[in-house]
Amino acid sequence: MRTAGAICLAVACLAASSAARQESFPSADISGGRVRAKIYLPDPDHGYYRATRFDWSGAIASLEWNGHSFFGQWFQRHDPKINDAITGPVEEFSSVGYDEARPGDRFVRIGVGAIQKPEEPRYRQFSTYEIADTGKWTVNKRPDAVEFIHQLGDSNGYAYEYRKTVSIRGDSLTLDHRLRNTGRKTIATTVYDHDFFMIDNQPTSQDFLVRFTFEPKPVSPLNDLVEIRGREFVYLREFQPRQSFQTELTGFGTSARDYDFRVENRKVGVGVRQTGDRPLSKINVWAPRTTVCPEGFIDLRVDPGRETTWRITYRFYRLPGR
């Protein structure tokens, strides 16, 4: 039987090992106002994330506001090539040019590069593909911000320059994006932020809720872990290991004002408000035991020689009376 001291020592060693692994990957520390964050930097050879599902830029290793933490490692095992072994908030773009590409041709994953298409019946979102061209990454650091520039040359007619700036000011974290089409074909894609909120590492439970500006309606039936009360998505009890819930929601309008939702934890008395400057095209809510994730999608269409921009802001706050 293991003693309490041995167990504590094992936990301490695991935490120290995790911290050491985190420090071994390229990263940048930024701060401003009451927020400070560590951000992983893209690197084809040594980066924290080298799979093909998510944009490589701007993954936040940790973020603290007024002594509370909001992001971290929500999964058990890290491997740079695992599709979702990444911390939030991170963006996933739908594939560009996949359907028209023949086996052996290339298609594009924005923020990743040009991907070699294998012989397969359909795209596999949760698989890691062979990257034919990682493009060129440039990183510009400031004390309160990091700018990422990703340039990808011609890949079956598609090419782009993607700029993403992660900045901190006051009580807020802001993600500014600019996508310029430098290729011959129109870029049409959908993108969402997978937030992976971990407020003070609290398990998903009745202490959490997600507030919307509209009355959400589930596309699929809810189970006994959650329910909707007006404009609130409520968790009914503490999730156990291997328990999770996911549904798509409708009920939002066509203006950007509905890209506005809050995740709050009543036990620790803090929350985060996420807003965007583009209309929602879709919204999902997903949660296992370790993280709560509303996922707001937007549509992008950029013709050759044109560009588009969008902004997402996270504001951290105390709940009333706390």
C-alpha atoms as a PDB file:
ATOM      1  CA  MET A   1       0.000   0.000   0.000  1.00  0.00           C
ATOM      2  CA  ARG A   2       1.310   3.453  -0.879  1.00  0.00           C
ATOM      3  CA  THR A   3       1.558   5.886   2.024  1.00  0.00           C
ATOM      4  CA  ALA A   4       0.076   9.401   1.916  1.00  0.00           C
ATOM      5  CA  GLY A   5       3.624  10.774   1.785  1.00  0.00           C
ATOM      6  CA  ALA A   6       4.492   8.614  -1.215  1.00  0.00           C
ATOM      7  CA  ILE A   7       1.346   9.694  -3.023  1.00  0.00           C
ATOM      8  CA  CYS A   8       2.070  13.376  -2.349  1.00  0.00           C
ATOM      9  CA  LEU A   9       5.634  12.892  -3.588  1.00  0.00           C
ATOM     10  CA  ALA A  10       4.365  11.229  -6.786  1.00  0.00           C
ATOM     11  CA  VAL A  11       1.945  14.078  -7.438  1.00  0.00           C
ATOM     12  CA  ALA A  12       4.683  16.641  -6.811  1.00  0.00           C
ATOM     13  CA  CYS A  13       7.036  14.828  -9.182  1.00  0.00           C
ATOM     14  CA  LEU A  14       4.336  14.670 -11.860  1.00  0.00           C
ATOM     15  CA  ALA A  15       3.669  18.406 -11.505  1.00  0.00           C
ATOM     16  CA  ALA A  16       7.370  19.185 -11.675  1.00  0.00           C
ATOM     17  CA  SER A  17       7.770  16.964 -14.731  1.00  0.00           C
ATOM     18  CA  SER A  18       4.821  18.677 -16.438  1.00  0.00           C
ATOM     19  CA  ALA A  19       6.299  22.112 -15.685  1.00  0.00           C
ATOM     20  CA  ALA A  20       9.672  21.017 -17.029  1.00  0.00           C
ATOM     21  CA  ARG A  21       8.067  19.768 -20.237  1.00  0.00           C
ATOM     22  CA  GLN A  22       6.187  23.051 -20.623  1.00  0.00           C
ATOM     23  CA  GLU A  23       9.409  25.037 -20.225  1.00  0.00           C
ATOM     24  CA  SER A  24      11.155  22.952 -22.901  1.00  0.00           C
ATOM     25  CA  PHE A  25       8.932  24.196 -25.742  1.00  0.00           C
ATOM     26  CA  PRO A  26       9.350  27.577 -27.489  1.00  0.00           C
ATOM     27  CA  SER A  27       7.137  30.139 -25.731  1.00  0.00           C
ATOM     28  CA  ALA A  28       6.722  33.821 -24.882  1.00  0.00           C
ATOM     29  CA  ASP A  29       5.499  35.518 -21.706  1.00  0.00           C
ATOM     30  CA  ILE A  30       3.281  38.591 -22.007  1.00  0.00           C
ATOM     31  CA  SER A  31       1.509  40.732 -19.433  1.00  0.00           C
ATOM     32  CA  GLY A  32      -0.508  43.902 -19.133  1.00  0.00           C
ATOM     33  CA  GLY A  33      -2.888  45.240 -16.515  1.00  0.00           C
ATOM     34  CA  ARG A  34      -4.074  42.352 -14.371  1.00  0.00           C
ATOM     35  CA  VAL A  35      -3.452  39.568 -16.907  1.00  0.00           C
ATOM     36  CA  ARG A  36      -0.314  37.574 -17.620  1.00  0.00           C
ATOM     37  CA  ALA A  37       0.051  34.653 -20.004  1.00  0.00           C
ATOM     38  CA  LYS A  38       2.534  32.175 -21.451  1.00  0.00           C
ATOM     39  CA  ILE A  39       2.015  31.512 -25.171  1.00  0.00           C
ATOM     40  CA  TYR A  40       3.419  28.612 -27.151  1.00  0.00           C
ATOM     41  CA  LEU A  41       5.230  29.559 -30.364  1.00  0.00           C
ATOM     42  CA  PRO A  42       4.950  27.626 -33.654  1.00  0.00           C
ATOM     43  CA  ASP A  43       7.984  25.560 -34.578  1.00  0.00           C
ATOM     44  CA  PRO A  44       7.937  22.707 -37.140  1.00  0.00           C
ATOM     45  CA  ASP A  45      10.696  20.852 -35.278  1.00  0.00           C
ATOM     46  CA  HIS A  46      10.305  21.724 -31.601  1.00  0.00           C
ATOM     47  CA  GLY A  47       6.839  23.237 -31.127  1.00  0.00           C
ATOM     48  CA  TYR A  48       4.385  22.142 -28.438  1.00  0.00           C
ATOM     49  CA  TYR A  49       1.830  21.354 -31.169  1.00  0.00           C
ATOM     50  CA  ARG A  50       2.759  19.868 -34.559  1.00  0.00           C
ATOM     51  CA  ALA A  51      -0.423  18.078 -35.587  1.00  0.00           C
ATOM     52  CA  THR A  52      -2.746  19.158 -38.411  1.00  0.00           C
ATOM     53  CA  ARG A  53      -6.111  19.920 -36.784  1.00  0.00           C
ATOM     54  CA  PHE A  54      -5.511  23.290 -35.101  1.00  0.00           C
ATOM     55  CA  ASP A  55      -3.796  26.546 -36.077  1.00  0.00           C
ATOM     56  CA  TRP A  56      -0.267  26.437 -34.618  1.00  0.00           C
ATOM     57  CA  SER A  57      -0.263  30.077 -33.476  1.00  0.00           C
ATOM     58  CA  GLY A  58      -1.395  31.502 -30.167  1.00  0.00           C
ATOM     59  CA  ALA A  59      -2.046  28.425 -28.029  1.00  0.00           C
ATOM     60  CA  ILE A  60      -1.961  29.616 -24.402  1.00  0.00           C
ATOM     61  CA  ALA A  61       0.008  27.432 -22.003  1.00  0.00           C
ATOM     62  CA  SER A  62      -1.324  29.370 -19.002  1.00  0.00           C
ATOM     63  CA  LEU A  63      -3.169  32.599 -18.220  1.00  0.00           C
ATOM     64  CA  GLU A  64      -3.762  34.226 -14.842  1.00  0.00           C
ATOM     65  CA  TRP A  65      -6.002  37.140 -13.918  1.00  0.00           C
ATOM     66  CA  ASN A  66      -6.185  38.471 -10.347  1.00  0.00           C
ATOM     67  CA  GLY A  67      -4.828  35.202  -8.981  1.00  0.00           C
ATOM     68  CA  HIS A  68      -7.222  32.980 -10.970  1.00  0.00           C
ATOM     69  CA  SER A  69      -6.219  30.670 -13.829  1.00  0.00           C
ATOM     70  CA  PHE A  70      -8.312  30.194 -16.974  1.00  0.00           C
ATOM     71  CA  PHE A  71      -6.397  27.893 -19.360  1.00  0.00           C
ATOM     72  CA  GLY A  72      -4.073  24.919 -19.026  1.00  0.00           C
ATOM     73  CA  GLN A  73      -3.490  21.278 -19.936  1.00  0.00           C
ATOM     74  CA  TRP A  74      -6.933  19.669 -19.880  1.00  0.00           C
ATOM     75  CA  PHE A  75      -5.797  16.275 -21.239  1.00  0.00           C
ATOM     76  CA  GLN A  76      -3.658  13.561 -19.605  1.00  0.00           C
ATOM     77  CA  ARG A  77      -1.022  12.715 -22.198  1.00  0.00           C
ATOM     78  CA  HIS A  78       0.843  15.198 -24.365  1.00  0.00           C
ATOM     79  CA  ASP A  79       2.265  14.323 -27.758  1.00  0.00           C
ATOM     80  CA  PRO A  80       2.911  17.107 -30.322  1.00  0.00           C
ATOM     81  CA  LYS A  81       1.374  14.951 -33.075  1.00  0.00           C
ATOM     82  CA  ILE A  82      -1.923  14.165 -31.282  1.00  0.00           C
ATOM     83  CA  ASN A  83      -4.737  16.127 -32.926  1.00  0.00           C
ATOM     84  CA  ASP A  84      -6.154  17.716 -29.759  1.00  0.00           C
ATOM     85  CA  ALA A  85      -3.140  17.712 -27.419  1.00  0.00           C
ATOM     86  CA  ILE A  86      -3.195  21.493 -27.250  1.00  0.00           C
ATOM     87  CA  THR A  87      -4.259  24.169 -24.801  1.00  0.00           C
ATOM     88  CA  GLY A  88      -6.798  26.874 -25.549  1.00  0.00           C
ATOM     89  CA  PRO A  89      -7.924  29.102 -26.928  1.00  0.00           C
ATOM     90  CA  VAL A  90      -6.953  27.706 -30.321  1.00  0.00           C
ATOM     91  CA  GLU A  91      -8.543  27.985 -33.731  1.00  0.00           C
ATOM     92  CA  GLU A  92      -9.541  25.271 -36.166  1.00  0.00           C
ATOM     93  CA  PHE A  93     -10.177  26.196 -39.796  1.00  0.00           C
ATOM     94  CA  SER A  94     -12.054  23.859 -42.105  1.00  0.00           C
ATOM     95  CA  SER A  95      -9.880  22.442 -44.887  1.00  0.00           C
ATOM     96  CA  VAL A  96      -9.383  24.503 -48.038  1.00  0.00           C
ATOM     97  CA  GLY A  97      -9.316  22.654 -51.364  1.00  0.00           C
ATOM     98  CA  TYR A  98      -9.737  19.170 -49.884  1.00  0.00           C
ATOM     99  CA  ASP A  99     -12.662  18.041 -52.071  1.00  0.00           C
ATOM    100  CA  GLU A 100     -11.016  19.081 -55.350  1.00  0.00           C
ATOM    101  CA  ALA A 101      -7.605  17.616 -54.482  1.00  0.00           C
ATOM    102  CA  ARG A 102      -6.823  14.157 -55.837  1.00  0.00           C
ATOM    103  CA  PRO A 103      -4.809  11.620 -53.820  1.00  0.00           C
ATOM    104  CA  GLY A 104      -1.216  12.823 -53.906  1.00  0.00           C
ATOM    105  CA  ASP A 105      -2.260  16.469 -54.377  1.00  0.00           C
ATOM    106  CA  ARG A 106      -2.165  19.069 -51.629  1.00  0.00           C
ATOM    107  CA  PHE A 107      -4.922  20.797 -49.686  1.00  0.00           C
ATOM    108  CA  VAL A 108      -4.576  23.593 -47.130  1.00  0.00           C
ATOM    109  CA  ARG A 109      -5.012  23.844 -43.374  1.00  0.00           C
ATOM    110  CA  ILE A 110      -4.728  27.529 -42.435  1.00  0.00           C
ATOM    111  CA  GLY A 111      -2.200  28.028 -39.649  1.00  0.00           C
ATOM    112  CA  VAL A 112      -0.642  24.626 -40.389  1.00  0.00           C
ATOM    113  CA  GLY A 113       0.375  24.502 -44.058  1.00  0.00           C
ATOM    114  CA  ALA A 114      -0.078  22.371 -47.180  1.00  0.00           C
ATOM    115  CA  ILE A 115      -1.208  18.807 -46.467  1.00  0.00           C
ATOM    116  CA  GLN A 116      -0.587  15.750 -48.638  1.00  0.00           C
ATOM    117  CA  LYS A 117      -3.936  14.132 -49.442  1.00  0.00           C
ATOM    118  CA  PRO A 118      -3.941  10.346 -49.102  1.00  0.00           C
ATOM    119  CA  GLU A 119      -6.340   7.880 -50.704  1.00  0.00           C
ATOM    120  CA  GLU A 120      -9.385   8.076 -48.415  1.00  0.00           C
ATOM    121  CA  PRO A 121     -13.176   8.434 -48.704  1.00  0.00           C
ATOM    122  CA  ARG A 122     -13.462  11.607 -46.594  1.00  0.00           C
ATOM    123  CA  TYR A 123     -11.495  14.047 -44.443  1.00  0.00           C
ATOM    124  CA  ARG A 124     -10.597  12.720 -40.981  1.00  0.00           C
ATOM    125  CA  GLN A 125     -10.815  15.635 -38.555  1.00  0.00           C
ATOM    126  CA  PHE A 126      -9.192  13.775 -35.670  1.00  0.00           C
ATOM    127  CA  SER A 127      -6.256  12.324 -37.606  1.00  0.00           C
ATOM    128  CA  THR A 128      -2.813  13.818 -38.145  1.00  0.00           C
ATOM    129  CA  TYR A 129      -1.801  14.051 -41.791  1.00  0.00           C
ATOM    130  CA  GLU A 130       1.566  14.349 -43.514  1.00  0.00           C
ATOM    131  CA  ILE A 131       2.539  18.014 -43.908  1.00  0.00           C
ATOM    132  CA  ALA A 132       4.068  18.687 -47.328  1.00  0.00           C
ATOM    133  CA  ASP A 133       4.911  22.353 -46.658  1.00  0.00           C
ATOM    134  CA  THR A 134       4.791  24.100 -43.258  1.00  0.00           C
ATOM    135  CA  GLY A 135       5.176  27.526 -44.900  1.00  0.00           C
ATOM    136  CA  LYS A 136       7.128  30.331 -43.264  1.00  0.00           C
ATOM    137  CA  TRP A 137       6.487  31.482 -39.694  1.00  0.00           C
ATOM    138  CA  THR A 138       7.535  34.895 -38.353  1.00  0.00           C
ATOM    139  CA  VAL A 139       7.023  35.826 -34.682  1.00  0.00           C
ATOM    140  CA  ASN A 140       7.215  39.393 -33.343  1.00  0.00           C
ATOM    141  CA  LYS A 141       7.215  39.769 -29.556  1.00  0.00           C
ATOM    142  CA  ARG A 142       6.284  42.738 -27.381  1.00  0.00           C
ATOM    143  CA  PRO A 143       5.867  42.887 -23.594  1.00  0.00           C
ATOM    144  CA  ASP A 144       2.062  42.813 -23.920  1.00  0.00           C
ATOM    145  CA  ALA A 145       1.551  41.017 -27.252  1.00  0.00           C
ATOM    146  CA  VAL A 146       2.819  38.445 -29.730  1.00  0.00           C
ATOM    147  CA  GLU A 147       2.234  38.732 -33.478  1.00  0.00           C
ATOM    148  CA  PHE A 148       2.326  35.600 -35.631  1.00  0.00           C
ATOM    149  CA  ILE A 149       2.698  35.756 -39.421  1.00  0.00           C
ATOM    150  CA  HIS A 150       2.222  32.602 -41.475  1.00  0.00           C
ATOM    151  CA  GLN A 151       2.942  32.692 -45.209  1.00  0.00           C
ATOM    152  CA  LEU A 152       2.112  29.753 -47.442  1.00  0.00           C
ATOM    153  CA  GLY A 153       3.063  29.665 -51.136  1.00  0.00           C
ATOM    154  CA  ASP A 154       1.056  28.148 -53.953  1.00  0.00           C
ATOM    155  CA  SER A 155      -0.550  24.806 -53.084  1.00  0.00           C
ATOM    156  CA  ASN A 156      -2.861  23.650 -55.846  1.00  0.00           C
ATOM    157  CA  GLY A 157      -3.840  27.291 -56.491  1.00  0.00           C
ATOM    158  CA  TYR A 158      -4.228  28.316 -52.836  1.00  0.00           C
ATOM    159  CA  ALA A 159      -1.858  30.633 -50.987  1.00  0.00           C
ATOM    160  CA  TYR A 160      -2.199  33.098 -48.116  1.00  0.00           C
ATOM    161  CA  GLU A 161      -0.672  35.381 -45.527  1.00  0.00           C
ATOM    162  CA  TYR A 162      -2.266  34.896 -42.121  1.00  0.00           C
ATOM    163  CA  ARG A 163      -1.576  37.332 -39.275  1.00  0.00           C
ATOM    164  CA  LYS A 164      -2.701  36.753 -35.712  1.00  0.00           C
ATOM    165  CA  THR A 165      -1.911  39.013 -32.780  1.00  0.00           C
ATOM    166  CA  VAL A 166      -2.496  37.902 -29.186  1.00  0.00           C
ATOM    167  CA  SER A 167      -2.503  40.945 -26.889  1.00  0.00           C
ATOM    168  CA  ILE A 168      -3.300  41.773 -23.273  1.00  0.00           C
ATOM    169  CA  ARG A 169      -4.677  44.997 -21.863  1.00  0.00           C
ATOM    170  CA  GLY A 170      -6.413  45.657 -18.560  1.00  0.00           C
ATOM    171  CA  ASP A 171      -8.736  42.754 -17.854  1.00  0.00           C
ATOM    172  CA  SER A 172      -8.823  41.492 -21.437  1.00  0.00           C
ATOM    173  CA  LEU A 173      -7.128  39.139 -23.876  1.00  0.00           C
ATOM    174  CA  THR A 174      -7.679  39.970 -27.558  1.00  0.00           C
ATOM    175  CA  LEU A 175      -7.098  37.888 -30.672  1.00  0.00           C
ATOM    176  CA  ASP A 176      -6.824  39.991 -33.856  1.00  0.00           C
ATOM    177  CA  HIS A 177      -6.758  38.163 -37.195  1.00  0.00           C
ATOM    178  CA  ARG A 178      -6.036  39.165 -40.782  1.00  0.00           C
ATOM    179  CA  LEU A 179      -6.174  36.698 -43.670  1.00  0.00           C
ATOM    180  CA  ARG A 180      -4.940  37.812 -47.094  1.00  0.00           C
ATOM    181  CA  ASN A 181      -5.458  35.608 -50.151  1.00  0.00           C
ATOM    182  CA  THR A 182      -2.228  35.591 -52.192  1.00  0.00           C
ATOM    183  CA  GLY A 183      -3.256  32.679 -54.402  1.00  0.00           C
ATOM    184  CA  ARG A 184      -5.299  32.142 -57.581  1.00  0.00           C
ATOM    185  CA  LYS A 185      -8.391  30.549 -56.016  1.00  0.00           C
ATOM    186  CA  THR A 186     -10.989  31.860 -53.570  1.00  0.00           C
ATOM    187  CA  ILE A 187     -10.467  30.768 -49.956  1.00  0.00           C
ATOM    188  CA  ALA A 188     -13.754  29.639 -48.364  1.00  0.00           C
ATOM    189  CA  THR A 189     -13.510  28.269 -44.845  1.00  0.00           C
ATOM    190  CA  THR A 190     -15.148  28.165 -41.429  1.00  0.00           C
ATOM    191  CA  VAL A 191     -13.214  28.840 -38.227  1.00  0.00           C
ATOM    192  CA  TYR A 192     -13.982  28.551 -34.527  1.00  0.00           C
ATOM    193  CA  ASP A 193     -12.133  29.058 -31.267  1.00  0.00           C
ATOM    194  CA  HIS A 194     -11.826  25.922 -29.156  1.00  0.00           C
ATOM    195  CA  ASP A 195     -11.455  27.656 -25.804  1.00  0.00           C
ATOM    196  CA  PHE A 196     -10.692  24.764 -23.441  1.00  0.00           C
ATOM    197  CA  PHE A 197     -11.609  26.910 -20.413  1.00  0.00           C
ATOM    198  CA  MET A 198     -10.212  25.563 -17.128  1.00  0.00           C
ATOM    199  CA  ILE A 199     -11.236  28.073 -14.472  1.00  0.00           C
ATOM    200  CA  ASP A 200      -8.965  27.399 -11.478  1.00  0.00           C
ATOM    201  CA  ASN A 201      -8.786  23.751 -12.637  1.00  0.00           C
ATOM    202  CA  GLN A 202     -12.298  23.146 -11.334  1.00  0.00           C
ATOM    203  CA  PRO A 203     -14.054  20.010 -12.649  1.00  0.00           C
ATOM    204  CA  THR A 204     -17.136  20.459 -14.808  1.00  0.00           C
ATOM    205  CA  SER A 205     -20.003  20.537 -12.306  1.00  0.00           C
ATOM    206  CA  GLN A 206     -23.074  22.389 -11.072  1.00  0.00           C
ATOM    207  CA  ASP A 207     -20.734  25.291 -10.218  1.00  0.00           C
ATOM    208  CA  PHE A 208     -20.407  26.112 -13.948  1.00  0.00           C
ATOM    209  CA  LEU A 209     -22.830  27.735 -16.345  1.00  0.00           C
ATOM    210  CA  VAL A 210     -22.664  29.294 -19.814  1.00  0.00           C
ATOM    211  CA  ARG A 211     -24.708  32.462 -20.416  1.00  0.00           C
ATOM    212  CA  PHE A 212     -25.858  33.515 -23.887  1.00  0.00           C
ATOM    213  CA  THR A 213     -27.461  36.707 -25.216  1.00  0.00           C
ATOM    214  CA  PHE A 214     -30.120  34.572 -26.935  1.00  0.00           C
ATOM    215  CA  GLU A 215     -32.227  31.609 -25.841  1.00  0.00           C
ATOM    216  CA  PRO A 216     -30.255  28.566 -27.014  1.00  0.00           C
ATOM    217  CA  LYS A 217     -32.081  25.564 -28.450  1.00  0.00           C
ATOM    218  CA  PRO A 218     -30.306  22.196 -28.650  1.00  0.00           C
ATOM    219  CA  VAL A 219     -30.158  20.382 -31.974  1.00  0.00           C
ATOM    220  CA  SER A 220     -29.864  16.994 -30.246  1.00  0.00           C
ATOM    221  CA  PRO A 221     -31.583  15.856 -27.023  1.00  0.00           C
ATOM    222  CA  LEU A 222     -29.925  16.794 -23.749  1.00  0.00           C
ATOM    223  CA  ASN A 223     -28.902  14.097 -21.300  1.00  0.00           C
ATOM    224  CA  ASP A 224     -29.197  14.184 -17.507  1.00  0.00           C
ATOM    225  CA  LEU A 225     -25.899  16.065 -17.101  1.00  0.00           C
ATOM    226  CA  VAL A 226     -27.138  19.416 -18.419  1.00  0.00           C
ATOM    227  CA  GLU A 227     -30.226  21.525 -19.012  1.00  0.00           C
ATOM    228  CA  ILE A 228     -31.158  24.886 -20.517  1.00  0.00           C
ATOM    229  CA  ARG A 229     -32.869  27.538 -18.367  1.00  0.00           C
ATOM    230  CA  GLY A 230     -33.813  30.521 -20.475  1.00  0.00           C
ATOM    231  CA  ARG A 231     -30.511  31.946 -21.730  1.00  0.00           C
ATOM    232  CA  GLU A 232     -28.354  29.781 -19.470  1.00  0.00           C
ATOM    233  CA  PHE A 233     -26.735  26.445 -20.244  1.00  0.00           C
ATOM    234  CA  VAL A 234     -26.497  24.739 -16.842  1.00  0.00           C
ATOM    235  CA  TYR A 235     -24.462  21.749 -15.679  1.00  0.00           C
ATOM    236  CA  LEU A 236     -26.386  19.671 -13.140  1.00  0.00           C
ATOM    237  CA  ARG A 237     -23.692  17.735 -11.298  1.00  0.00           C
ATOM    238  CA  GLU A 238     -20.003  17.007 -11.253  1.00  0.00           C
ATOM    239  CA  PHE A 239     -18.834  15.075 -14.298  1.00  0.00           C
ATOM    240  CA  GLN A 240     -16.908  11.894 -13.628  1.00  0.00           C
ATOM    241  CA  PRO A 241     -13.902  10.648 -15.635  1.00  0.00           C
ATOM    242  CA  ARG A 242     -14.972   9.614 -19.160  1.00  0.00           C
ATOM    243  CA  GLN A 243     -18.263  11.507 -18.887  1.00  0.00           C
ATOM    244  CA  SER A 244     -18.811  14.259 -21.432  1.00  0.00           C
ATOM    245  CA  PHE A 245     -21.539  16.165 -23.221  1.00  0.00           C
ATOM    246  CA  GLN A 246     -21.778  17.835 -26.617  1.00  0.00           C
ATOM    247  CA  THR A 247     -24.539  19.489 -28.622  1.00  0.00           C
ATOM    248  CA  GLU A 248     -25.003  22.063 -31.350  1.00  0.00           C
ATOM    249  CA  LEU A 249     -27.166  25.049 -30.429  1.00  0.00           C
ATOM    250  CA  THR A 250     -29.459  27.249 -32.500  1.00  0.00           C
ATOM    251  CA  GLY A 251     -31.409  30.386 -31.589  1.00  0.00           C
ATOM    252  CA  PHE A 252     -28.802  33.035 -32.450  1.00  0.00           C
ATOM    253  CA  GLY A 253     -29.438  35.801 -34.986  1.00  0.00           C
ATOM    254  CA  THR A 254     -27.573  37.166 -37.991  1.00  0.00           C
ATOM    255  CA  SER A 255     -25.741  40.027 -36.263  1.00  0.00           C
ATOM    256  CA  ALA A 256     -22.442  39.962 -34.393  1.00  0.00           C
ATOM    257  CA  ARG A 257     -24.161  40.909 -31.121  1.00  0.00           C
ATOM    258  CA  ASP A 258     -25.043  37.242 -30.535  1.00  0.00           C
ATOM    259  CA  TYR A 259     -21.353  36.335 -30.586  1.00  0.00           C
ATOM    260  CA  ASP A 260     -21.345  37.087 -26.860  1.00  0.00           C
ATOM    261  CA  PHE A 261     -21.277  34.393 -24.204  1.00  0.00           C
ATOM    262  CA  ARG A 262     -19.955  33.965 -20.690  1.00  0.00           C
ATOM    263  CA  VAL A 263     -18.529  31.025 -18.763  1.00  0.00           C
ATOM    264  CA  GLU A 264     -18.839  31.399 -14.993  1.00  0.00           C
ATOM    265  CA  ASN A 265     -17.885  29.339 -11.975  1.00  0.00           C
ATOM    266  CA  ARG A 266     -19.868  30.192  -8.863  1.00  0.00           C
ATOM    267  CA  LYS A 267     -17.565  28.287  -6.499  1.00  0.00           C
ATOM    268  CA  VAL A 268     -14.511  30.437  -7.213  1.00  0.00           C
ATOM    269  CA  GLY A 269     -16.583  33.517  -8.111  1.00  0.00           C
ATOM    270  CA  VAL A 270     -15.118  34.472 -11.488  1.00  0.00           C
ATOM    271  CA  GLY A 271     -16.058  34.352 -15.142  1.00  0.00           C
ATOM    272  CA  VAL A 272     -14.919  35.146 -18.652  1.00  0.00           C
ATOM    273  CA  ARG A 273     -16.915  36.924 -21.363  1.00  0.00           C
ATOM    274  CA  GLN A 274     -16.093  36.046 -24.983  1.00  0.00           C
ATOM    275  CA  THR A 275     -17.213  38.385 -27.784  1.00  0.00           C
ATOM    276  CA  GLY A 276     -16.604  38.457 -31.532  1.00  0.00           C
ATOM    277  CA  ASP A 277     -17.085  41.070 -34.235  1.00  0.00           C
ATOM    278  CA  ARG A 278     -18.535  38.676 -36.843  1.00  0.00           C
ATOM    279  CA  PRO A 279     -21.940  36.915 -36.916  1.00  0.00           C
ATOM    280  CA  LEU A 280     -22.070  33.331 -35.723  1.00  0.00           C
ATOM    281  CA  SER A 281     -22.630  30.652 -38.338  1.00  0.00           C
ATOM    282  CA  LYS A 282     -22.820  27.841 -35.781  1.00  0.00           C
ATOM    283  CA  ILE A 283     -22.262  27.208 -32.088  1.00  0.00           C
ATOM    284  CA  ASN A 284     -21.427  24.025 -30.170  1.00  0.00           C
ATOM    285  CA  VAL A 285     -21.069  23.338 -26.465  1.00  0.00           C
ATOM    286  CA  TRP A 286     -18.768  20.526 -25.399  1.00  0.00           C
ATOM    287  CA  ALA A 287     -17.468  19.506 -21.982  1.00  0.00           C
ATOM    288  CA  PRO A 288     -15.669  16.518 -20.488  1.00  0.00           C
ATOM    289  CA  ARG A 289     -14.743  16.572 -16.801  1.00  0.00           C
ATOM    290  CA  THR A 290     -11.711  18.823 -17.232  1.00  0.00           C
ATOM    291  CA  THR A 291     -12.872  21.705 -19.453  1.00  0.00           C
ATOM    292  CA  VAL A 292     -15.945  23.713 -20.499  1.00  0.00           C
ATOM    293  CA  CYS A 293     -16.038  24.713 -24.161  1.00  0.00           C
ATOM    294  CA  PRO A 294     -18.584  26.870 -25.960  1.00  0.00           C
ATOM    295  CA  GLU A 295     -17.437  26.988 -29.593  1.00  0.00           C
ATOM    296  CA  GLY A 296     -18.478  29.937 -31.770  1.00  0.00           C
ATOM    297  CA  PHE A 297     -18.049  29.416 -35.545  1.00  0.00           C
ATOM    298  CA  ILE A 298     -17.801  32.103 -38.230  1.00  0.00           C
ATOM    299  CA  ASP A 299     -17.666  31.825 -42.040  1.00  0.00           C
ATOM    300  CA  LEU A 300     -14.878  33.391 -44.106  1.00  0.00           C
ATOM    301  CA  ARG A 301     -14.664  33.955 -47.855  1.00  0.00           C
ATOM    302  CA  VAL A 302     -11.649  35.737 -49.355  1.00  0.00           C
ATOM    303  CA  ASP A 303     -11.209  36.260 -53.092  1.00  0.00           C
ATOM    304  CA  PRO A 304      -7.733  36.380 -54.684  1.00  0.00           C
ATOM    305  CA  GLY A 305      -5.922  39.620 -53.838  1.00  0.00           C
ATOM    306  CA  ARG A 306      -8.373  40.455 -51.034  1.00  0.00           C
ATOM    307  CA  GLU A 307      -8.215  40.154 -47.254  1.00  0.00           C
ATOM    308  CA  THR A 308     -10.545  39.874 -44.302  1.00  0.00           C
ATOM    309  CA  THR A 309     -10.213  40.567 -40.573  1.00  0.00           C
ATOM    310  CA  TRP A 310     -11.923  39.437 -37.378  1.00  0.00           C
ATOM    311  CA  ARG A 311     -11.467  39.949 -33.656  1.00  0.00           C
ATOM    312  CA  ILE A 312     -12.263  37.881 -30.573  1.00  0.00           C
ATOM    313  CA  THR A 313     -11.997  39.341 -27.072  1.00  0.00           C
ATOM    314  CA  TYR A 314     -11.975  37.632 -23.677  1.00  0.00           C
ATOM    315  CA  ARG A 315     -12.731  39.787 -20.624  1.00  0.00           C
ATOM    316  CA  PHE A 316     -12.151  38.324 -17.161  1.00  0.00           C
ATOM    317  CA  TYR A 317     -14.285  39.426 -14.192  1.00  0.00           C
ATOM    318  CA  ARG A 318     -15.525  38.715 -10.690  1.00  0.00           C
ATOM    319  CA  LEU A 319     -19.097  37.620 -10.160  1.00  0.00           C
ATOM    320  CA  PRO A 320     -21.354  40.131  -8.386  1.00  0.00           C
ATOM    321  CA  GLY A 321     -20.924  40.030  -4.623  1.00  0.00           C
ATOM    322  CA  ARG A 322     -17.551  38.262  -4.770  1.00  0.00           C
END
